[in-house]
Amino acid sequence: MKSISKNTVAAALVAIAGTAASQASAIPALVTFDPPALAQGPNIYVAVPGPQTITTAPATFSGGVVLGFATFFPAISFATPPNVYGSADFGNNLARALSIAVDPASATTEVSFALFNGETFNQSYVADAFNGTSLVASQTLTNVAPNFNSGYGLIDLISAAGITSVTIAPSGTPAAWDFVIDTVAFNQSLTSLPNPPPPPVVQPPTPPVRGHRHGHAPGETELVEVDFGDDVNDIRGSVLVVTPPNAVPEPQTYMLVLGGVLLLAGLRRKRASCS
């Protein structure tokens, strides 16, 4: 039987201790950017003079600013009030991509958060996770709905190799961007928003307009009933229509005109004979 050196045993004990310490330090954490940890931010981007670097226990956030009860951003009512962290092209020197530098001591293997689209159009977003300089996880949110349609998505990046940084940016290189993140979870999964929005209202297809007339003679006032179908407002109604007379004169019209001309001709001849 081979003997095991003291150095080998010591190395094994160090490795086991290191693994145990790493596992022990992988404690779940949650960052919401809200008071009392952070003061409530202004409600518009331009009120902040430049990018804000936010340092928390599990990670440091950079490239954006903290907004509190952001105006013209109804989708964030589904996040944890009042603060979010975001970036927009019309802010003061804000980055197109938000960055999260994770504290290596936290032994993070999962980063999950909510992303809200601030644009008035559909926009795709990409979140990349790195271990050092190596890309270890990536997720794309495709065609996130516009802000006023409660446009948001949930990111969940997982890597057993560990995560030391994360970047979040709109897909491609758009000239305009506007997005925020909130409720950033470390070593745990954000499966739903704290205040999830109601399901979208799906409008039924609108049937073609149908109607029928009440058969009045040309030139008379006529009531036409119009049924727009059984939509959500059950729109039905009646409109008052005046049917114009036919543009082409009818035969009796010609007879009346001819009779009038003959009568006038007879009167002229009678006056001429009298004189």
Foldseek 3Di string as FASTA:
>chain_A
DDDDDPVNVVVVVVVVVVVVQLVVLQDKDKFFCDPPLHDAAAQDQQVDQEWDWDDDDFKIKTQWDKHFCHPLQVLCVLAPHTIWTKDKLPHNHGDQKMKIFGDVSSQFFKKKWKKFFAAQFFFKKKKFFDDVNHTFWIDMDGRFGHRVQSGMDMDMTGGNVGTGMMMMHIPDDDSIGIMTIGTMMTSDYDPATPRHDDDDDDWDDWDDKDKDWPDDDAQDKTKIWIFRDCTPVRDTDIDIDHHHDDPDDDPVVVVVVVVVVVVVVVVVVVVVVVD
